[in-house]
Protein backbone atom coordinates (compact mmCIF):
# COMPACT_ATOMS: atom_id res chain seq x y z
CA MET A 1 18.90 8.19 -1.05
CA GLY A 2 15.73 8.94 0.91
CA LEU A 3 13.53 8.47 -2.16
CA ILE A 4 15.05 5.05 -2.83
CA ILE A 5 14.44 3.91 0.75
CA THR A 6 10.88 5.26 0.62
CA CYS A 7 10.22 3.31 -2.60
CA ILE A 8 11.69 0.14 -1.10
CA VAL A 9 9.58 0.50 2.05
CA GLY A 10 6.51 1.28 -0.08
CA GLY A 11 7.13 -1.81 -2.20
CA LEU A 12 7.51 -4.02 0.86
CA ILE A 13 4.34 -2.62 2.41
CA GLY A 14 2.44 -3.07 -0.85
CA ALA A 15 3.68 -6.66 -1.23
CA LEU A 16 2.80 -7.46 2.38
CA ALA A 17 -0.66 -5.93 1.99
CA GLY A 18 -1.15 -8.01 -1.18
CA MET A 19 -0.21 -11.18 0.71
CA ILE A 20 -2.53 -10.32 3.60
CA THR A 21 -5.51 -9.61 1.33
CA GLY A 22 -4.72 -12.46 -1.05
CA LYS A 23 -4.92 -10.02 -3.94
CA ASP A 24 -1.94 -8.88 -5.98
CA PHE A 25 -1.91 -5.33 -7.21
CA PRO A 26 -1.60 -4.96 -11.01
CA LEU A 27 1.77 -4.04 -12.56
CA GLY A 28 3.82 -6.30 -10.28
CA ILE A 29 6.58 -4.62 -8.30
CA VAL A 30 5.72 -1.15 -9.61
CA GLY A 31 2.10 -1.71 -8.57
CA ASN A 32 3.20 -2.83 -5.12
CA ILE A 33 5.31 0.31 -4.72
CA ILE A 34 2.36 2.45 -5.83
CA ALA A 35 -0.02 0.62 -3.46
CA GLY A 36 2.44 0.98 -0.59
CA LEU A 37 3.06 4.68 -1.17
CA ILE A 38 -0.60 5.54 -1.66
CA GLY A 39 -1.44 3.27 1.26
CA SER A 40 1.03 5.06 3.49
CA TRP A 41 -0.47 8.40 2.52
CA VAL A 42 -4.05 7.17 3.09
CA GLY A 43 -3.05 5.32 6.26
CA SER A 44 -1.36 8.38 7.73
CA ALA A 45 -4.39 10.53 6.93
CA LEU A 46 -6.88 8.03 8.36
CA PHE A 47 -4.97 6.43 11.22
CA GLY A 48 -2.33 9.02 12.18
CA HIS A 49 1.37 8.61 12.88
CA TRP A 50 2.10 5.80 15.32
CA GLY A 51 4.03 2.57 15.50
CA PRO A 52 7.46 1.86 14.10
CA GLU A 53 8.88 4.15 11.43
CA TRP A 54 11.23 3.16 8.61
CA GLY A 55 12.32 5.37 5.74
CA GLY A 56 9.97 8.14 6.82
CA ILE A 57 6.94 5.82 6.66
CA PHE A 58 5.04 4.69 9.73
CA ILE A 59 4.68 0.96 9.09
CA LEU A 60 1.37 0.04 10.76
CA PRO A 61 -0.80 2.90 9.45
CA ALA A 62 0.81 2.49 6.02
CA LEU A 63 0.05 -1.23 6.01
CA LEU A 64 -3.57 -0.63 7.01
CA GLY A 65 -3.90 2.07 4.36
CA ALA A 66 -2.37 -0.18 1.68
CA ILE A 67 -4.78 -3.00 2.59
CA VAL A 68 -7.74 -0.62 2.30
CA PHE A 69 -6.40 0.77 -0.99
CA ILE A 70 -5.86 -2.70 -2.51
CA LEU A 71 -9.35 -3.85 -1.48
CA ILE A 72 -10.95 -0.73 -2.99
CA VAL A 73 -9.00 -1.01 -6.26
CA THR A 74 -9.82 -4.73 -6.51
CA PHE A 75 -13.51 -4.06 -5.87
CA PHE A 76 -13.75 -1.39 -8.57
CA SER A 77 -11.70 -3.34 -11.10
CA ARG A 78 -14.07 -6.31 -10.69
CA MET A 79 -17.06 -4.01 -11.18
CA LEU A 80 -15.55 -2.61 -14.38
CA ARG A 81 -14.85 -6.10 -15.74
CA LYS A 82 -18.47 -7.14 -15.19
CA ALA A 83 -19.84 -4.04 -16.93
């Protein structure tokens, strides 16, 4: 049950980060879950554990991490398309 909640929270965070940045992560819902989960890992490492927690994920650091992750992936995917 915990894994399902973590994936749902990761997907919501990834979707919200995509809306904030104006960039949608590839692969749709699966991509949003991946962006949210990686973002929560990166956000926790960079920004620590603070703010509200849901499903074992601290929302604010995870959202910031997902935004950073989406911007980096978008930047590199554009560079690869131009090459």
